[in-house]
Amino acid sequence: MGDITLFGLPISFGTMVYQALIFTVLVFILKKLVFKKLVGVLDKRKQHIENQLLLTEQYKLEAEKNMELSTEILNQARKDAREIMKHSQHEAKLMIMDAKAEAKEILKEAREVSFRSRSFVHKDSKGA
């Protein structure tokens, strides 16, 4: 039926037409049964990945907001700690000053008592 030789290979037109027909039927069957499902699965996967990317972006923005809030809270805590330290140092200075003043008073009273005792002892020794 029309066999020819191309590049030293025998080619039969009947077999070529038969193979083209089978290939066309196979492509049609695959298109109807497999490709639609495959494209549907790929579209679902694409949508899922897009949703995950959006969710990731939202979490990233939330994390940045939380980081800013944490930084603000930390800065406020440091500021409060500095204020407490200043106040505590001031209170400590006042307490030290009060203690020194009280120690001076006690020392003054002790000297007066000691002076009176010496005077009393001195008077007793003259009178005896």
Protein backbone atom coordinates (compact mmCIF):
# COMPACT_ATOMS: atom_id res chain seq x y z
CA MET A 1 0.00 0.00 0.00
CA GLY A 2 2.50 2.73 -0.31
CA ASP A 3 5.52 1.78 1.66
CA ILE A 4 8.42 4.20 1.35
CA THR A 5 11.93 4.31 2.69
CA LEU A 6 13.05 7.43 4.56
CA PHE A 7 16.63 7.67 5.81
CA GLY A 8 16.96 3.98 5.21
CA LEU A 9 13.87 3.12 7.30
CA PRO A 10 10.78 1.53 5.76
CA ILE A 11 7.60 3.53 6.51
CA SER A 12 4.08 2.21 5.98
CA PHE A 13 1.29 4.80 5.48
CA GLY A 14 -1.33 2.42 6.88
CA THR A 15 0.55 1.96 10.13
CA MET A 16 1.19 5.71 10.34
CA VAL A 17 -2.51 6.54 9.93
CA TYR A 18 -3.46 3.81 12.40
CA GLN A 19 -0.98 5.16 15.01
CA ALA A 20 -2.18 8.75 14.46
CA LEU A 21 -5.78 7.62 15.00
CA ILE A 22 -4.91 5.71 18.21
CA PHE A 23 -2.86 8.70 19.47
CA THR A 24 -5.79 11.06 18.82
CA VAL A 25 -8.22 8.77 20.65
CA LEU A 26 -5.75 8.43 23.55
CA VAL A 27 -5.34 12.23 23.80
CA PHE A 28 -9.13 12.69 23.70
CA ILE A 29 -9.66 10.10 26.48
CA LEU A 30 -6.89 11.63 28.62
CA LYS A 31 -8.35 15.08 28.07
CA LYS A 32 -11.82 14.01 29.15
CA LEU A 33 -10.85 11.83 32.11
CA VAL A 34 -7.46 12.86 33.45
CA PHE A 35 -6.55 16.41 32.47
CA LYS A 36 -9.64 18.03 34.03
CA LYS A 37 -9.02 16.28 37.34
CA LEU A 38 -5.31 17.02 37.15
CA VAL A 39 -5.95 20.70 36.40
CA GLY A 40 -8.50 20.80 39.24
CA VAL A 41 -6.00 19.31 41.67
CA LEU A 42 -3.32 21.76 40.51
CA ASP A 43 -5.74 24.69 40.88
CA LYS A 44 -6.67 23.57 44.41
CA ARG A 45 -2.99 23.25 45.27
CA LYS A 46 -2.30 26.71 43.84
CA GLN A 47 -5.18 28.19 45.88
CA HIS A 48 -3.96 26.41 49.03
CA ILE A 49 -0.45 27.79 48.55
CA GLU A 50 -1.82 31.32 47.98
CA ASN A 51 -3.91 31.03 51.16
CA GLN A 52 -0.87 29.84 53.09
CA LEU A 53 1.17 32.76 51.77
CA LEU A 54 -1.55 35.23 52.84
CA LEU A 55 -1.75 33.60 56.25
CA THR A 56 2.02 33.76 56.57
CA GLU A 57 1.97 37.45 55.70
CA GLN A 58 -0.71 38.07 58.35
CA TYR A 59 1.34 36.21 60.96
CA LYS A 60 4.40 38.20 59.96
CA LEU A 61 2.53 41.49 60.43
CA GLU A 62 1.17 40.28 63.78
CA ALA A 63 4.65 39.28 64.87
CA GLU A 64 5.99 42.71 63.91
CA LYS A 65 3.20 44.42 65.89
CA ASN A 66 3.87 42.17 68.88
CA MET A 67 7.59 42.90 68.61
CA GLU A 68 6.91 46.66 68.60
CA LEU A 69 4.58 46.29 71.58
CA SER A 70 7.16 44.20 73.44
CA THR A 71 9.81 46.81 72.71
CA GLU A 72 7.56 49.58 74.02
CA ILE A 73 6.77 47.59 77.17
CA LEU A 74 10.46 46.85 77.69
CA ASN A 75 11.39 50.50 77.25
CA GLN A 76 8.66 51.54 79.70
CA ALA A 77 9.87 48.93 82.20
CA ARG A 78 13.43 50.24 81.90
CA LYS A 79 12.19 53.81 82.39
CA ASP A 80 10.19 52.74 85.45
CA ALA A 81 13.20 50.88 86.82
CA ARG A 82 15.36 54.01 86.43
CA GLU A 83 12.71 56.08 88.24
CA ILE A 84 12.54 53.54 91.06
CA MET A 85 16.34 53.52 91.32
CA LYS A 86 16.45 57.33 91.50
CA HIS A 87 13.71 57.38 94.12
CA SER A 88 15.42 54.63 96.12
CA GLN A 89 18.77 56.43 96.01
CA HIS A 90 17.10 59.64 97.16
CA GLU A 91 15.35 57.81 100.00
CA ALA A 92 18.62 56.12 100.96
CA LYS A 93 20.41 59.49 101.07
CA LEU A 94 17.66 60.90 103.26
CA MET A 95 17.84 57.89 105.59
CA ILE A 96 21.63 58.20 105.81
CA MET A 97 21.33 61.92 106.59
CA ASP A 98 18.70 61.19 109.26
CA ALA A 99 20.86 58.43 110.73
CA LYS A 100 23.89 60.75 110.82
CA ALA A 101 21.83 63.48 112.49
CA GLU A 102 20.48 61.01 115.02
CA ALA A 103 23.98 59.65 115.63
CA LYS A 104 25.21 63.21 116.24
CA GLU A 105 22.36 63.78 118.71
CA ILE A 106 23.13 60.54 120.53
CA LEU A 107 26.83 61.42 120.59
CA LYS A 108 26.02 64.91 121.89
CA GLU A 109 23.76 63.47 124.60
CA ALA A 110 26.41 60.91 125.51
CA ARG A 111 29.02 63.66 125.85
CA GLU A 112 26.66 65.71 128.02
CA VAL A 113 25.92 62.72 130.22
CA SER A 114 29.61 61.93 130.38
CA PHE A 115 30.40 65.56 131.22
CA ARG A 116 27.73 65.62 133.96
CA SER A 117 28.98 62.34 135.34
CA ARG A 118 32.51 63.68 135.49
CA SER A 119 31.28 66.85 137.10
CA PHE A 120 29.29 64.84 139.63
CA VAL A 121 32.23 62.56 140.33
CA HIS A 122 34.53 65.57 140.58
CA LYS A 123 32.20 67.30 143.08
CA ASP A 124 31.94 64.11 145.13
CA SER A 125 35.68 63.73 145.31
CA LYS A 126 36.07 67.37 146.52
CA GLY A 127 33.35 66.99 149.09
CA ALA A 128 34.73 63.84 150.67
